[in-house]
C-alpha atoms as a PDB file:
ATOM      1  CA  UNK A   1      -8.774   9.040 -13.190  1.00  0.00           C
ATOM      2  CA  UNK A   2      -5.707   7.471 -14.227  1.00  0.00           C
ATOM      3  CA  UNK A   3      -5.344   3.402 -14.755  1.00  0.00           C
ATOM      4  CA  UNK A   4      -3.020   2.733 -11.537  1.00  0.00           C
ATOM      5  CA  UNK A   5      -2.875  -1.047 -11.711  1.00  0.00           C
ATOM      6  CA  UNK A   6      -0.217  -0.549 -14.669  1.00  0.00           C
ATOM      7  CA  UNK A   7       2.577   1.249 -11.818  1.00  0.00           C
ATOM      8  CA  UNK A   8       1.559  -1.365  -8.997  1.00  0.00           C
ATOM      9  CA  UNK A   9       2.838  -4.672 -11.037  1.00  0.00           C
ATOM     10  CA  UNK A  10       5.275  -4.635 -14.003  1.00  0.00           C
ATOM     11  CA  UNK A  11       6.723  -7.774 -13.008  1.00  0.00           C
ATOM     12  CA  UNK A  12       6.153 -11.113 -14.458  1.00  0.00           C
ATOM     13  CA  UNK A  13       3.920 -14.373 -13.513  1.00  0.00           C
ATOM     14  CA  UNK A  14       5.615 -17.647 -13.580  1.00  0.00           C
ATOM     15  CA  UNK A  15       4.003 -21.469 -13.378  1.00  0.00           C
ATOM     16  CA  UNK A  16       6.391 -23.817 -11.691  1.00  0.00           C
ATOM     17  CA  UNK A  17       5.858 -27.742 -11.264  1.00  0.00           C
ATOM     18  CA  UNK A  18       8.278 -29.106  -8.890  1.00  0.00           C
ATOM     19  CA  UNK A  19       9.158 -33.088  -8.705  1.00  0.00           C
ATOM     20  CA  UNK A  20       8.724 -35.253  -6.271  1.00  0.00           C
ATOM     21  CA  UNK A  21      11.954 -35.556  -3.847  1.00  0.00           C
ATOM     22  CA  UNK A  22      13.861 -32.609  -5.631  1.00  0.00           C
ATOM     23  CA  UNK A  23      15.256 -29.664  -3.705  1.00  0.00           C
ATOM     24  CA  UNK A  24      15.149 -25.862  -4.618  1.00  0.00           C
ATOM     25  CA  UNK A  25      18.968 -25.052  -3.025  1.00  0.00           C
ATOM     26  CA  UNK A  26      19.189 -21.863  -0.546  1.00  0.00           C
ATOM     27  CA  UNK A  27      19.106 -18.851  -2.603  1.00  0.00           C
ATOM     28  CA  UNK A  28      17.435 -15.294  -2.817  1.00  0.00           C
ATOM     29  CA  UNK A  29      15.605 -12.595  -5.332  1.00  0.00           C
ATOM     30  CA  UNK A  30      16.721  -8.804  -5.679  1.00  0.00           C
ATOM     31  CA  UNK A  31      12.851  -8.457  -5.927  1.00  0.00           C
ATOM     32  CA  UNK A  32       9.710  -9.054  -3.975  1.00  0.00           C
ATOM     33  CA  UNK A  33       8.204 -12.338  -4.576  1.00  0.00           C
ATOM     34  CA  UNK A  34       4.636 -13.732  -4.073  1.00  0.00           C
ATOM     35  CA  UNK A  35       4.076 -17.604  -4.004  1.00  0.00           C
ATOM     36  CA  UNK A  36       0.615 -19.512  -4.544  1.00  0.00           C
ATOM     37  CA  UNK A  37       0.752 -22.921  -3.956  1.00  0.00           C
ATOM     38  CA  UNK A  38      -1.927 -24.612  -6.586  1.00  0.00           C
ATOM     39  CA  UNK A  39      -1.520 -28.236  -5.325  1.00  0.00           C
ATOM     40  CA  UNK A  40       0.930 -30.980  -3.931  1.00  0.00           C
ATOM     41  CA  UNK A  41       3.157 -30.146  -0.696  1.00  0.00           C
ATOM     42  CA  UNK A  42       6.599 -29.163   0.484  1.00  0.00           C
ATOM     43  CA  UNK A  43       8.876 -27.842   2.952  1.00  0.00           C
ATOM     44  CA  UNK A  44       9.729 -24.376   2.995  1.00  0.00           C
ATOM     45  CA  UNK A  45      12.912 -22.847   4.591  1.00  0.00           C
ATOM     46  CA  UNK A  46      12.697 -18.976   4.994  1.00  0.00           C
ATOM     47  CA  UNK A  47      15.372 -16.911   7.496  1.00  0.00           C
ATOM     48  CA  UNK A  48      15.910 -20.111   9.234  1.00  0.00           C
ATOM     49  CA  UNK A  49      11.388 -20.966   9.738  1.00  0.00           C
ATOM     50  CA  UNK A  50      10.477 -24.371   8.440  1.00  0.00           C
ATOM     51  CA  UNK A  51       7.259 -24.413   7.105  1.00  0.00           C
ATOM     52  CA  UNK A  52       5.090 -27.478   5.079  1.00  0.00           C
ATOM     53  CA  UNK A  53       3.039 -25.776   2.320  1.00  0.00           C
ATOM     54  CA  UNK A  54       0.197 -27.782   0.660  1.00  0.00           C
ATOM     55  CA  UNK A  55      -2.405 -26.505  -1.747  1.00  0.00           C
ATOM     56  CA  UNK A  56      -3.737 -23.126  -1.173  1.00  0.00           C
ATOM     57  CA  UNK A  57      -1.296 -21.631   1.023  1.00  0.00           C
ATOM     58  CA  UNK A  58       0.685 -18.324  -0.139  1.00  0.00           C
ATOM     59  CA  UNK A  59       3.214 -16.188   1.421  1.00  0.00           C
ATOM     60  CA  UNK A  60       5.195 -13.054   0.307  1.00  0.00           C
ATOM     61  CA  UNK A  61       9.205 -13.098   0.365  1.00  0.00           C
ATOM     62  CA  UNK A  62      10.533  -9.474   0.827  1.00  0.00           C
ATOM     63  CA  UNK A  63      13.596  -8.740  -1.293  1.00  0.00           C
ATOM     64  CA  UNK A  64      16.936 -10.597  -0.941  1.00  0.00           C
ATOM     65  CA  UNK A  65      15.126 -13.124   1.667  1.00  0.00           C
ATOM     66  CA  UNK A  66      17.309 -16.680   1.420  1.00  0.00           C
ATOM     67  CA  UNK A  67      14.588 -19.509   0.968  1.00  0.00           C
ATOM     68  CA  UNK A  68      14.710 -23.214  -0.107  1.00  0.00           C
ATOM     69  CA  UNK A  69      12.212 -25.557  -1.129  1.00  0.00           C
ATOM     70  CA  UNK A  70      12.367 -29.673   0.001  1.00  0.00           C
ATOM     71  CA  UNK A  71       9.616 -31.332  -2.301  1.00  0.00           C
ATOM     72  CA  UNK A  72       8.433 -34.262   0.027  1.00  0.00           C
ATOM     73  CA  UNK A  73       5.730 -36.882  -1.610  1.00  0.00           C
ATOM     74  CA  UNK A  74       3.307 -35.257  -4.149  1.00  0.00           C
ATOM     75  CA  UNK A  75       4.813 -33.190  -6.680  1.00  0.00           C
ATOM     76  CA  UNK A  76       4.220 -29.561  -6.274  1.00  0.00           C
ATOM     77  CA  UNK A  77       2.804 -26.565  -8.376  1.00  0.00           C
ATOM     78  CA  UNK A  78       3.515 -23.049  -7.665  1.00  0.00           C
ATOM     79  CA  UNK A  79       2.597 -19.979  -9.148  1.00  0.00           C
ATOM     80  CA  UNK A  80       4.920 -17.256  -8.650  1.00  0.00           C
ATOM     81  CA  UNK A  81       4.639 -13.411  -8.888  1.00  0.00           C
ATOM     82  CA  UNK A  82       7.733 -11.121  -9.111  1.00  0.00           C
ATOM     83  CA  UNK A  83       7.460  -7.115  -8.764  1.00  0.00           C
END
């Protein structure tokens, strides 16, 4: 049996901390992105749909999905996986 796990994920994992009252301006990526919120809160807008994110939330962003963050209140800590 071959090891398929290396073929499933060949991207990178990144940890980020975004400061209170900061912004991540509208942008997109040419790759699939899985985001998990480690702590804090933020407003996230993807495709015109606004969502409040908090610790424990996660979501998948498809390739070329326009999105932005507005950090309100607590600093937010995020881990992202890119594939």
